[in-house]
Amino acid sequence: MRSRLCFALSLLAALSIPAFLVAQHTVLVSTVITIRVPADAKLEIGGYATKSTGEVRHFVTPPLRVGVEYTYDVVIAYADGTVRREVIAFVGGKPASFDFRPHAPAEKAEPKKTQEKKGEEKKPPIEKKVEEKKPPAKKPEDKKPVEEKKSVEKKAEPVPKKSDQTPPQRKPDVIFVPTPQVVVDTMLELAKVTKSDVVYDLGCGDGRIVVTAAKKYGARGKGIDIDPERVKESLENVKKNGVEKLVTIEQADLFQADLSEATVITLYLLPELNLKLRPKLQKLRPGTRIVSHDFDMGNWIPDRLITVTDENGLEHEVYLWIIREPEKPGSKPGSQLLPQREDSTFVLLQEKDQKPKLKPDVVYVPTPQRVVEKMLEVAKVTKDDVVYDLGCGDGRIVVTAASKYGCKAVGYDIDPERIKESLENVKKKGVENLVKIEQRDIFTVDVSPATVVCLYLLPNLNAKLVPQLQKMKPGSRVVTHDFRIPGYKHVQEFEVDPGEGFGRKHMVYLYIIPLEKEK
């Protein structure tokens, strides 16, 4: 029997489930908040100005822990110029209502007690699926199956569909980030894939999801990606795994693709791209399953939500939505996906007595150790240097610089989870006297003391850093991983094979201060 997550611990004895897949149950539900204000008032929640209008405004929170108290700052600007500031408090899982019309009392609003309606559908629990724990070693890049060495004799490669041979001109919307195999397996399990399914992976990368669906379940699969390099890798992966009869790979814009054949859609995109896909997904046949890695669908409430821990100890969220028949008048309310509504705003909340979490500008993607070493080698780091890593992740660059070259180093990151990992890594390697880790917005950092700055950011973020970088001493070095600094000349570039198996090469670019503009 395949290893699957079970709902009752009493069933574990009857199932062949490894101990590390036992689920820990934590109930999470989205909470509806109703706020009443004058129709002409402007409403702001946690610094976000809402677009909704009217006297009654509804908000749907992300999934929250049931029974836990949460707070949020609210600012109401009335038409007469009066501004009212409040802190709303409510309990996860209990709908709350607040009245901020002029006649309402000005005291701190408390959540109103509401009784659960009969027949109201309960929101799905979040289940924690935990991999076997390993020592808290430095977190390497996701391991991938090692690709066999190719023989000298060239073999025929699978060819993309004829209609796909004219590549789209639009650039990819996201960086390619490989999904760990345990997450791939969980996504397909959660969707209950069978050989009767047709699995579409939008932004297929190296094709591992559709290849796994075909190889493990015998399902047909279609991978769609706009990046010709990813399409090439996918085709190689399809051939290597012998699933050419089941899997097709198409180079196309996923927003233009025909998804009508799909019974399962898998996604690993950014939140704004998921939202952009919603109208297209809503038109899919009832029963179609949508599975997303790490990112939700705004105010669409998931049917299931699971947290998976990969072999490196990193947690990944997997969301499942099922397309349902449109509700008919008089029918019992179901869990049909919510349509987009102007009066529902999806807002982030912080738990009571906690500060709001600062949101990172990019998804955290660990840099392979070979690339780390190449970046420091290219910069010709010595013990006299001061290395800054802006967006330091788990701290591997600054730790390597200190342990290998004996230099001072500082890692900056806005994400508290990354800071925690970095500090653990620094302590483990015994370089506390050389390395400093600081939680901070990288765009506020004074980089002038640095002689070497390392970056693994998107091009627009690299460009935003230019004024800060130009303040470094002449001759200082800036090394970027995969993404250049737009509009500026790099003096050297290197291609690095990370030795991870799926064939993706990484680029390293070296810049010298002062940065020189391209002509």
Protein backbone atom coordinates (compact mmCIF):
# COMPACT_ATOMS: atom_id res chain seq x y z
CA MET A 1 0.00 0.00 0.00
CA ARG A 2 1.30 3.44 -0.87
CA SER A 3 2.42 5.58 2.04
CA ARG A 4 -0.37 8.06 2.66
CA LEU A 5 -1.34 10.46 5.37
CA CYS A 6 -4.05 9.02 7.61
CA PHE A 7 -6.73 10.81 9.54
CA ALA A 8 -6.86 8.58 12.62
CA LEU A 9 -3.86 7.32 14.53
CA SER A 10 -5.80 4.12 15.20
CA LEU A 11 -5.50 3.26 11.51
CA LEU A 12 -1.69 3.42 11.51
CA ALA A 13 -1.28 -0.20 12.51
CA ALA A 14 -3.25 -1.32 9.48
CA LEU A 15 -1.29 0.78 7.02
CA SER A 16 2.32 0.39 5.90
CA ILE A 17 3.25 3.99 6.71
CA PRO A 18 6.79 4.84 7.81
CA ALA A 19 7.03 6.49 11.22
CA PHE A 20 8.31 9.73 9.72
CA LEU A 21 5.02 10.23 7.81
CA VAL A 22 2.79 10.25 10.92
CA ALA A 23 0.68 13.42 10.83
CA GLN A 24 0.43 15.93 13.59
CA HIS A 25 -2.99 17.60 13.54
CA THR A 26 -3.37 21.35 13.88
CA VAL A 27 -6.73 22.84 12.90
CA LEU A 28 -6.46 25.92 10.70
CA VAL A 29 -9.44 27.78 9.27
CA SER A 30 -9.99 31.06 7.48
CA THR A 31 -11.96 33.59 9.52
CA VAL A 32 -14.53 36.05 8.18
CA ILE A 33 -14.29 39.57 9.60
CA THR A 34 -17.08 42.08 9.02
CA ILE A 35 -16.39 45.79 9.49
CA ARG A 36 -19.12 48.45 9.35
CA VAL A 37 -18.11 52.00 8.44
CA PRO A 38 -19.81 54.89 6.62
CA ALA A 39 -20.06 54.18 2.90
CA ASP A 40 -17.81 57.16 2.08
CA ALA A 41 -15.10 56.25 4.64
CA LYS A 42 -11.67 54.94 3.71
CA LEU A 43 -10.53 51.82 5.53
CA GLU A 44 -6.95 50.70 6.12
CA ILE A 45 -5.88 47.41 7.73
CA GLY A 46 -2.29 46.94 8.83
CA GLY A 47 -1.06 49.61 6.44
CA TYR A 48 -3.04 48.26 3.48
CA ALA A 49 -5.72 50.53 2.00
CA THR A 50 -8.72 48.39 1.04
CA LYS A 51 -10.56 48.77 -2.26
CA SER A 52 -13.98 47.68 -0.99
CA THR A 53 -16.79 50.21 -0.56
CA GLY A 54 -20.17 50.42 1.15
CA GLU A 55 -21.17 50.34 4.80
CA VAL A 56 -20.55 46.62 5.29
CA ARG A 57 -17.12 45.31 4.29
CA HIS A 58 -16.08 41.69 4.56
CA PHE A 59 -12.57 40.29 4.90
CA VAL A 60 -11.34 36.72 4.70
CA THR A 61 -8.18 35.87 6.62
CA PRO A 62 -5.58 33.29 5.69
CA PRO A 63 -5.95 29.92 7.53
CA LEU A 64 -5.49 30.63 11.26
CA ARG A 65 -5.14 28.41 14.30
CA VAL A 66 -8.52 27.73 15.89
CA GLY A 67 -8.88 29.23 19.36
CA VAL A 68 -5.83 31.50 19.10
CA GLU A 69 -6.38 35.24 19.59
CA TYR A 70 -5.19 37.54 16.79
CA THR A 71 -5.04 41.32 16.45
CA TYR A 72 -4.90 43.80 13.63
CA ASP A 73 -4.50 47.58 13.37
CA VAL A 74 -7.36 49.41 11.68
CA VAL A 75 -7.47 53.05 10.52
CA ILE A 76 -10.73 54.67 9.41
CA ALA A 77 -10.64 58.02 7.62
CA TYR A 78 -14.09 59.64 7.70
CA ALA A 79 -15.37 62.10 5.08
CA ASP A 80 -15.19 65.02 7.55
CA GLY A 81 -11.43 64.49 7.94
CA THR A 82 -11.61 62.68 11.29
CA VAL A 83 -9.25 59.72 11.60
CA ARG A 84 -9.97 56.86 13.99
CA ARG A 85 -7.39 54.23 14.94
CA GLU A 86 -8.39 50.91 16.49
CA VAL A 87 -6.91 47.50 17.26
CA ILE A 88 -9.35 44.71 16.48
CA ALA A 89 -8.99 41.44 18.38
CA PHE A 90 -10.64 38.19 17.35
CA VAL A 91 -10.27 34.46 17.77
CA GLY A 92 -9.22 32.18 14.91
CA GLY A 93 -12.19 30.19 13.61
CA LYS A 94 -14.86 32.53 15.04
CA PRO A 95 -16.42 35.09 12.68
CA ALA A 96 -16.06 38.59 14.11
CA SER A 97 -17.93 41.83 13.52
CA PHE A 98 -16.86 45.41 14.31
CA ASP A 99 -18.83 48.64 14.01
CA PHE A 100 -16.83 51.83 13.40
CA ARG A 101 -19.68 54.06 12.27
CA PRO A 102 -19.72 57.45 14.09
CA HIS A 103 -22.45 56.37 16.51
CA ALA A 104 -20.47 53.25 17.52
CA PRO A 105 -18.52 53.33 20.84
CA ALA A 106 -14.87 54.33 20.45
CA GLU A 107 -13.50 51.74 22.86
CA LYS A 108 -11.29 48.96 21.63
CA ALA A 109 -13.49 46.65 19.63
CA GLU A 110 -13.79 43.08 20.79
CA PRO A 111 -15.00 40.15 18.71
CA LYS A 112 -18.68 39.41 18.98
CA LYS A 113 -19.65 35.93 20.04
CA THR A 114 -21.20 34.06 17.17
CA GLN A 115 -22.71 30.64 17.24
CA GLU A 116 -21.74 28.15 14.61
CA LYS A 117 -24.51 27.72 12.10
CA LYS A 118 -25.94 24.29 11.59
CA GLY A 119 -24.78 22.63 8.44
CA GLU A 120 -21.89 25.03 8.11
CA GLU A 121 -19.02 23.21 6.50
CA LYS A 122 -15.95 22.86 8.64
CA LYS A 123 -12.70 24.02 7.17
CA PRO A 124 -10.03 21.39 6.55
CA PRO A 125 -7.37 20.71 9.14
CA ILE A 126 -3.73 21.25 8.44
CA GLU A 127 -1.77 18.08 8.83
CA LYS A 128 1.92 18.00 9.43
CA LYS A 129 3.80 15.37 7.52
CA VAL A 130 7.28 15.02 8.94
CA GLU A 131 10.29 13.50 7.28
CA GLU A 132 12.78 11.54 9.33
CA LYS A 133 14.87 14.02 11.27
CA LYS A 134 18.51 14.36 10.41
CA PRO A 135 21.32 16.17 12.21
CA PRO A 136 20.99 19.99 11.93
CA ALA A 137 23.74 20.17 9.38
CA LYS A 138 24.12 22.96 6.87
CA LYS A 139 21.20 22.84 4.48
CA PRO A 140 22.41 21.90 1.02
CA GLU A 141 20.54 22.47 -2.21
CA ASP A 142 17.71 20.07 -2.93
CA LYS A 143 19.24 16.79 -4.04
CA LYS A 144 18.12 15.48 -7.38
CA PRO A 145 18.59 12.11 -9.01
CA VAL A 146 22.09 11.85 -10.47
CA GLU A 147 21.98 11.84 -14.22
CA GLU A 148 23.91 9.11 -15.98
CA LYS A 149 26.87 10.17 -18.09
CA LYS A 150 25.90 10.52 -21.71
CA SER A 151 27.76 8.47 -24.26
CA VAL A 152 29.70 10.20 -27.01
CA GLU A 153 27.27 8.90 -29.60
CA LYS A 154 24.38 11.35 -29.98
CA LYS A 155 20.91 9.91 -29.57
CA ALA A 156 17.67 11.29 -30.89
CA GLU A 157 16.08 13.70 -28.44
CA PRO A 158 12.32 14.00 -27.93
CA VAL A 159 11.09 16.88 -30.04
CA PRO A 160 8.59 19.46 -28.79
CA LYS A 161 5.27 19.71 -30.61
CA LYS A 162 5.57 21.39 -33.98
CA SER A 163 3.40 24.26 -32.83
CA ASP A 164 5.87 24.93 -30.02
CA GLN A 165 8.99 25.34 -32.13
CA THR A 166 8.53 29.12 -32.28
CA PRO A 167 9.41 30.04 -28.70
CA PRO A 168 7.35 32.67 -26.89
CA GLN A 169 9.17 35.96 -26.52
CA ARG A 170 7.98 36.72 -22.97
CA LYS A 171 10.50 36.07 -20.20
CA PRO A 172 9.76 33.60 -17.37
CA ASP A 173 7.69 35.06 -14.52
CA VAL A 174 9.63 33.27 -11.77
CA ILE A 175 13.05 31.82 -11.00
CA PHE A 176 13.19 28.06 -11.51
CA VAL A 177 13.21 26.53 -8.04
CA PRO A 178 13.24 22.70 -8.02
CA THR A 179 10.49 21.16 -5.87
CA PRO A 180 11.92 18.56 -3.43
CA GLN A 181 10.85 15.03 -4.37
CA VAL A 182 9.01 14.51 -1.07
CA VAL A 183 6.86 17.55 -1.93
CA VAL A 184 6.26 16.26 -5.47
CA ASP A 185 5.09 12.94 -4.02
CA THR A 186 2.82 14.69 -1.51
CA MET A 187 1.25 16.92 -4.17
CA LEU A 188 0.32 13.90 -6.28
CA GLU A 189 -0.92 11.93 -3.25
CA LEU A 190 -3.05 14.86 -2.11
CA ALA A 191 -4.63 15.07 -5.58
CA LYS A 192 -5.27 11.29 -5.47
CA VAL A 193 -3.78 10.85 -8.92
CA THR A 194 -4.62 7.64 -10.80
CA LYS A 195 -3.83 6.26 -14.25
CA SER A 196 -7.08 7.83 -15.49
CA ASP A 197 -5.86 11.35 -14.75
CA VAL A 198 -4.25 13.96 -16.97
CA VAL A 199 -1.78 16.00 -14.91
CA TYR A 200 -0.78 19.48 -16.11
CA ASP A 201 2.21 21.18 -14.46
CA LEU A 202 2.19 24.92 -15.15
CA GLY A 203 5.79 26.07 -15.03
CA CYS A 204 7.13 22.53 -15.20
CA GLY A 205 10.84 23.30 -14.71
CA ASP A 206 12.78 20.07 -15.23
CA GLY A 207 9.56 18.06 -15.57
CA ARG A 208 9.84 16.11 -12.34
CA ILE A 209 6.14 16.39 -11.42
CA VAL A 210 4.71 15.08 -14.70
CA VAL A 211 7.47 12.45 -14.93
CA THR A 212 6.67 11.22 -11.41
CA ALA A 213 2.92 11.19 -12.18
CA ALA A 214 3.54 9.04 -15.25
CA LYS A 215 6.11 6.72 -13.71
CA LYS A 216 4.40 6.19 -10.33
CA TYR A 217 0.72 6.26 -11.30
CA GLY A 218 0.67 5.65 -15.05
CA ALA A 219 -1.11 8.99 -15.54
CA ARG A 220 -0.75 11.09 -18.64
CA GLY A 221 1.07 14.35 -18.06
CA LYS A 222 1.76 17.64 -19.79
CA GLY A 223 4.43 20.07 -18.67
CA ILE A 224 4.22 23.70 -19.79
CA ASP A 225 7.08 26.17 -19.45
CA ILE A 226 8.04 29.37 -21.27
CA ASP A 227 11.79 28.89 -20.71
CA PRO A 228 13.54 26.90 -23.50
CA GLU A 229 16.22 25.70 -21.06
CA ARG A 230 13.58 24.21 -18.77
CA VAL A 231 11.83 22.61 -21.75
CA LYS A 232 15.12 21.02 -22.81
CA GLU A 233 15.73 19.66 -19.30
CA SER A 234 12.17 18.32 -19.13
CA LEU A 235 12.52 16.51 -22.44
CA GLU A 236 15.77 14.91 -21.27
CA ASN A 237 14.12 13.84 -18.02
CA VAL A 238 11.14 12.37 -19.89
CA LYS A 239 13.45 10.34 -22.12
CA LYS A 240 15.70 9.22 -19.26
CA ASN A 241 12.69 7.88 -17.35
CA GLY A 242 11.13 6.20 -20.38
CA VAL A 243 7.74 7.94 -20.19
CA GLU A 244 7.65 9.46 -23.69
CA LYS A 245 4.33 7.72 -24.42
CA LEU A 246 2.65 9.33 -21.43
CA VAL A 247 4.26 12.77 -21.09
CA THR A 248 4.43 15.73 -23.45
CA ILE A 249 6.36 18.93 -22.85
CA GLU A 250 5.24 22.21 -24.40
CA GLN A 251 7.07 25.52 -24.56
CA ALA A 252 4.26 28.01 -24.09
CA ASP A 253 2.91 30.87 -22.01
CA LEU A 254 0.94 29.14 -19.24
CA PHE A 255 -1.59 32.00 -19.20
CA GLN A 256 -2.43 31.24 -22.84
CA ALA A 257 -2.43 27.44 -22.55
CA ASP A 258 -5.57 25.34 -23.07
CA LEU A 259 -6.15 23.53 -19.76
CA SER A 260 -9.50 21.93 -20.61
CA GLU A 261 -8.04 18.40 -20.82
CA ALA A 262 -6.52 18.51 -17.33
CA THR A 263 -8.01 16.68 -14.36
CA VAL A 264 -5.15 17.73 -12.06
CA ILE A 265 -3.24 21.04 -12.17
CA THR A 266 0.01 21.48 -10.23
CA LEU A 267 1.58 24.87 -9.47
CA TYR A 268 4.70 26.33 -7.91
CA LEU A 269 4.33 30.00 -8.78
CA LEU A 270 4.19 33.27 -6.85
CA PRO A 271 0.94 34.44 -5.16
CA GLU A 272 0.22 37.14 -7.75
CA LEU A 273 0.55 34.57 -10.56
CA ASN A 274 -1.81 32.17 -8.79
CA LEU A 275 -4.34 35.00 -8.53
CA LYS A 276 -3.91 35.79 -12.22
CA LEU A 277 -4.72 32.15 -13.03
CA ARG A 278 -7.93 32.03 -10.98
CA PRO A 279 -10.39 32.98 -13.76
CA LYS A 280 -8.84 30.30 -15.99
CA LEU A 281 -8.92 27.65 -13.27
CA GLN A 282 -12.54 28.44 -12.33
CA LYS A 283 -13.59 27.31 -15.83
CA LEU A 284 -12.15 23.81 -15.40
CA ARG A 285 -14.45 20.79 -15.22
CA PRO A 286 -16.01 20.00 -11.83
CA GLY A 287 -13.86 17.49 -10.00
CA THR A 288 -10.58 18.91 -11.30
CA ARG A 289 -7.98 19.15 -8.54
CA ILE A 290 -5.59 22.08 -8.17
CA VAL A 291 -2.48 21.56 -6.05
CA SER A 292 -0.13 24.42 -5.21
CA HIS A 293 3.28 24.27 -3.55
CA ASP A 294 3.84 26.95 -0.88
CA PHE A 295 1.47 29.62 -2.25
CA ASP A 296 -2.29 30.02 -1.81
CA MET A 297 -5.07 31.40 -4.02
CA GLY A 298 -6.00 34.51 -2.10
CA ASN A 299 -9.46 34.10 -0.57
CA TRP A 300 -10.11 30.67 -2.06
CA ILE A 301 -10.38 28.38 0.95
CA PRO A 302 -8.38 25.16 0.40
CA ASP A 303 -10.02 21.75 0.75
CA ARG A 304 -6.80 20.46 2.29
CA LEU A 305 -3.60 22.05 3.56
CA ILE A 306 -0.56 19.99 4.53
CA THR A 307 2.86 21.00 5.80
CA VAL A 308 5.71 18.79 4.59
CA THR A 309 9.23 18.77 6.00
CA ASP A 310 11.90 17.90 3.44
CA GLU A 311 15.17 16.06 4.04
CA ASN A 312 16.94 19.33 4.85
CA GLY A 313 14.45 20.31 7.56
CA LEU A 314 12.73 23.00 5.47
CA GLU A 315 8.93 23.17 5.69
CA HIS A 316 6.74 23.36 2.59
CA GLU A 317 2.99 23.97 2.44
CA VAL A 318 0.86 22.05 -0.05
CA TYR A 319 -2.65 23.34 -0.85
CA LEU A 320 -5.50 21.42 -2.52
CA TRP A 321 -8.63 22.89 -4.11
CA ILE A 322 -11.35 20.91 -5.90
CA ILE A 323 -13.48 22.52 -8.61
CA ARG A 324 -17.17 21.93 -7.83
CA GLU A 325 -20.48 22.29 -9.62
CA PRO A 326 -21.91 25.82 -9.37
CA GLU A 327 -24.40 26.06 -6.52
CA LYS A 328 -28.08 25.91 -7.48
CA PRO A 329 -30.78 28.00 -5.79
CA GLY A 330 -31.95 26.29 -2.61
CA SER A 331 -29.06 23.81 -2.55
CA LYS A 332 -27.01 23.15 0.55
CA PRO A 333 -23.94 25.43 0.73
CA GLY A 334 -20.81 23.62 -0.33
CA SER A 335 -17.12 24.40 -0.47
CA GLN A 336 -17.23 25.74 -4.01
CA LEU A 337 -14.27 27.98 -4.83
CA LEU A 338 -15.02 31.58 -4.00
CA PRO A 339 -15.40 33.96 -6.95
CA GLN A 340 -13.31 37.11 -6.98
CA ARG A 341 -15.17 39.82 -5.09
CA GLU A 342 -14.38 43.46 -4.57
CA ASP A 343 -15.75 43.34 -1.00
CA SER A 344 -13.39 40.56 0.12
CA THR A 345 -9.82 41.55 0.82
CA PHE A 346 -7.14 39.00 1.67
CA VAL A 347 -4.98 40.39 4.45
CA LEU A 348 -2.06 39.06 6.48
CA LEU A 349 -2.53 39.03 10.23
CA GLN A 350 -0.21 38.84 13.18
CA GLU A 351 -0.86 36.94 16.40
CA LYS A 352 -1.62 38.99 19.49
CA ASP A 353 1.43 40.65 21.07
CA GLN A 354 3.59 39.82 18.03
CA LYS A 355 4.96 42.29 15.52
CA PRO A 356 3.88 41.90 11.89
CA LYS A 357 6.24 39.71 9.91
CA LEU A 358 8.32 41.51 7.33
CA LYS A 359 7.78 39.97 3.92
CA PRO A 360 10.86 38.82 1.95
CA ASP A 361 11.25 40.19 -1.59
CA VAL A 362 12.12 36.77 -3.03
CA VAL A 363 11.47 33.11 -2.36
CA TYR A 364 14.38 31.58 -0.45
CA VAL A 365 16.42 29.37 -2.77
CA PRO A 366 19.60 27.83 -1.29
CA THR A 367 22.74 28.41 -3.37
CA PRO A 368 24.54 25.11 -4.15
CA GLN A 369 27.82 24.81 -2.24
CA ARG A 370 29.86 24.60 -5.45
CA VAL A 371 28.37 27.92 -6.54
CA VAL A 372 29.12 29.45 -3.11
CA GLU A 373 32.76 28.44 -3.41
CA LYS A 374 32.98 29.73 -6.98
CA MET A 375 31.54 33.12 -5.98
CA LEU A 376 34.17 33.56 -3.27
CA GLU A 377 36.93 32.28 -5.56
CA VAL A 378 35.92 34.70 -8.33
CA ALA A 379 35.97 37.59 -5.84
CA LYS A 380 39.49 36.51 -4.76
CA VAL A 381 38.52 36.66 -1.10
CA THR A 382 41.35 36.82 1.47
CA LYS A 383 41.50 37.10 5.26
CA ASP A 384 41.67 40.90 4.89
CA ASP A 385 38.25 41.13 3.22
CA VAL A 386 34.85 41.90 4.71
CA VAL A 387 32.15 39.88 2.93
CA TYR A 388 28.49 40.98 3.00
CA ASP A 389 25.72 38.65 1.82
CA LEU A 390 22.47 40.54 1.16
CA GLY A 391 19.69 38.01 1.55
CA CYS A 392 21.88 35.50 3.36
CA GLY A 393 19.38 32.64 3.66
CA ASP A 394 20.92 29.97 5.89
CA GLY A 395 24.23 31.86 6.03
CA ARG A 396 26.24 29.44 3.93
CA ILE A 397 28.14 32.14 2.01
CA VAL A 398 29.34 34.12 5.03
CA VAL A 399 30.08 30.93 6.97
CA THR A 400 32.14 29.54 4.07
CA ALA A 401 34.00 32.86 3.69
CA ALA A 402 34.94 32.85 7.38
CA SER A 403 35.80 29.16 7.72
CA LYS A 404 37.71 28.88 4.43
CA TYR A 405 39.43 32.27 4.18
CA GLY A 406 39.40 33.51 7.79
CA CYS A 407 37.76 36.82 6.85
CA LYS A 408 35.05 38.80 8.60
CA ALA A 409 31.55 38.50 7.17
CA VAL A 410 28.03 39.83 7.73
CA GLY A 411 24.78 38.22 6.56
CA TYR A 412 21.56 40.23 6.24
CA ASP A 413 18.05 38.82 5.78
CA ILE A 414 14.55 40.09 6.48
CA ASP A 415 13.11 36.62 7.20
CA PRO A 416 13.33 35.56 10.88
CA GLU A 417 13.38 31.88 9.90
CA ARG A 418 16.45 32.43 7.73
CA ILE A 419 18.11 34.40 10.54
CA LYS A 420 17.54 31.50 12.92
CA GLU A 421 19.06 29.04 10.44
CA SER A 422 22.04 31.32 9.81
CA LEU A 423 22.80 31.69 13.52
CA GLU A 424 22.64 27.91 13.97
CA ASN A 425 24.99 27.45 11.02
CA VAL A 426 27.45 30.05 12.39
CA LYS A 427 27.48 28.33 15.79
CA LYS A 428 27.87 24.87 14.30
CA LYS A 429 30.90 25.94 12.26
CA GLY A 430 32.45 27.79 15.21
CA VAL A 431 32.87 31.12 13.41
CA GLU A 432 30.99 33.35 15.88
CA ASN A 433 34.06 35.57 16.25
CA LEU A 434 34.13 36.31 12.51
CA VAL A 435 30.49 36.24 11.36
CA LYS A 436 27.60 38.51 12.27
CA ILE A 437 23.98 37.83 11.27
CA GLU A 438 21.41 40.64 11.30
CA GLN A 439 17.68 40.71 10.56
CA ARG A 440 17.19 43.75 8.41
CA ASP A 441 15.78 45.11 5.16
CA ILE A 442 18.74 44.86 2.76
CA PHE A 443 17.79 48.16 1.11
CA THR A 444 18.58 50.01 4.34
CA VAL A 445 22.02 48.43 4.85
CA ASP A 446 25.17 50.57 4.65
CA VAL A 447 27.45 48.39 2.52
CA SER A 448 30.38 50.83 2.45
CA PRO A 449 32.44 48.78 4.99
CA ALA A 450 32.24 45.72 2.73
CA THR A 451 34.98 44.82 0.25
CA VAL A 452 32.92 41.97 -1.24
CA VAL A 453 29.12 41.84 -1.63
CA CYS A 454 27.33 38.63 -2.68
CA LEU A 455 23.85 38.65 -4.24
CA TYR A 456 21.30 36.05 -5.30
CA LEU A 457 18.37 38.31 -6.08
CA LEU A 458 16.12 39.10 -9.03
CA PRO A 459 17.42 41.63 -11.60
CA ASN A 460 15.04 44.40 -10.46
CA LEU A 461 16.27 44.01 -6.87
CA ASN A 462 19.91 44.05 -8.01
CA ALA A 463 19.18 47.28 -9.88
CA LYS A 464 17.53 48.79 -6.79
CA LEU A 465 20.75 48.15 -4.83
CA VAL A 466 23.01 50.08 -7.24
CA PRO A 467 23.02 53.39 -5.28
CA GLN A 468 24.13 51.50 -2.15
CA LEU A 469 26.77 49.47 -4.01
CA GLN A 470 28.28 52.59 -5.60
CA LYS A 471 29.17 53.84 -2.10
CA MET A 472 31.65 50.98 -1.63
CA LYS A 473 35.38 51.69 -1.89
CA PRO A 474 36.84 51.62 -5.43
CA GLY A 475 38.11 48.15 -6.23
CA SER A 476 35.50 46.41 -4.07
CA ARG A 477 33.86 43.40 -5.72
CA VAL A 478 30.21 42.49 -6.23
CA VAL A 479 29.42 38.89 -7.16
CA THR A 480 25.94 37.88 -8.35
CA HIS A 481 24.50 34.40 -8.76
CA ASP A 482 22.42 33.76 -11.91
CA PHE A 483 21.15 37.35 -12.28
CA ARG A 484 23.09 40.33 -13.57
CA ILE A 485 22.83 43.95 -12.50
CA PRO A 486 20.75 45.41 -15.36
CA GLY A 487 22.47 48.17 -17.32
CA TYR A 488 25.94 47.63 -15.82
CA LYS A 489 29.01 45.84 -17.18
CA HIS A 490 30.33 42.72 -15.51
CA VAL A 491 34.06 42.05 -15.88
CA GLN A 492 33.84 38.25 -15.78
CA GLU A 493 31.24 35.50 -15.96
CA PHE A 494 31.50 31.82 -15.14
CA GLU A 495 29.29 28.78 -15.67
CA VAL A 496 29.13 26.41 -12.71
CA ASP A 497 27.95 22.80 -12.68
CA PRO A 498 26.50 22.21 -9.19
CA GLY A 499 26.69 18.45 -9.67
CA GLU A 500 23.03 17.94 -8.80
CA GLY A 501 21.97 15.68 -11.64
CA PHE A 502 19.27 17.48 -13.63
CA GLY A 503 21.72 19.39 -15.79
CA ARG A 504 20.93 22.97 -14.74
CA LYS A 505 24.02 25.18 -14.92
CA HIS A 506 24.45 28.23 -12.68
CA MET A 507 26.01 31.54 -13.71
CA VAL A 508 28.32 33.70 -11.59
CA TYR A 509 28.98 37.35 -12.56
CA LEU A 510 31.76 39.59 -11.19
CA TYR A 511 31.50 43.40 -11.00
CA ILE A 512 34.12 45.90 -9.81
CA ILE A 513 33.26 49.14 -7.97
CA PRO A 514 32.59 51.73 -9.27
CA LEU A 515 29.99 50.02 -11.43
CA GLU A 516 30.29 51.01 -15.07
CA LYS A 517 27.20 51.49 -17.19
CA GLU A 518 26.76 49.53 -20.41
CA LYS A 519 26.82 51.61 -23.56
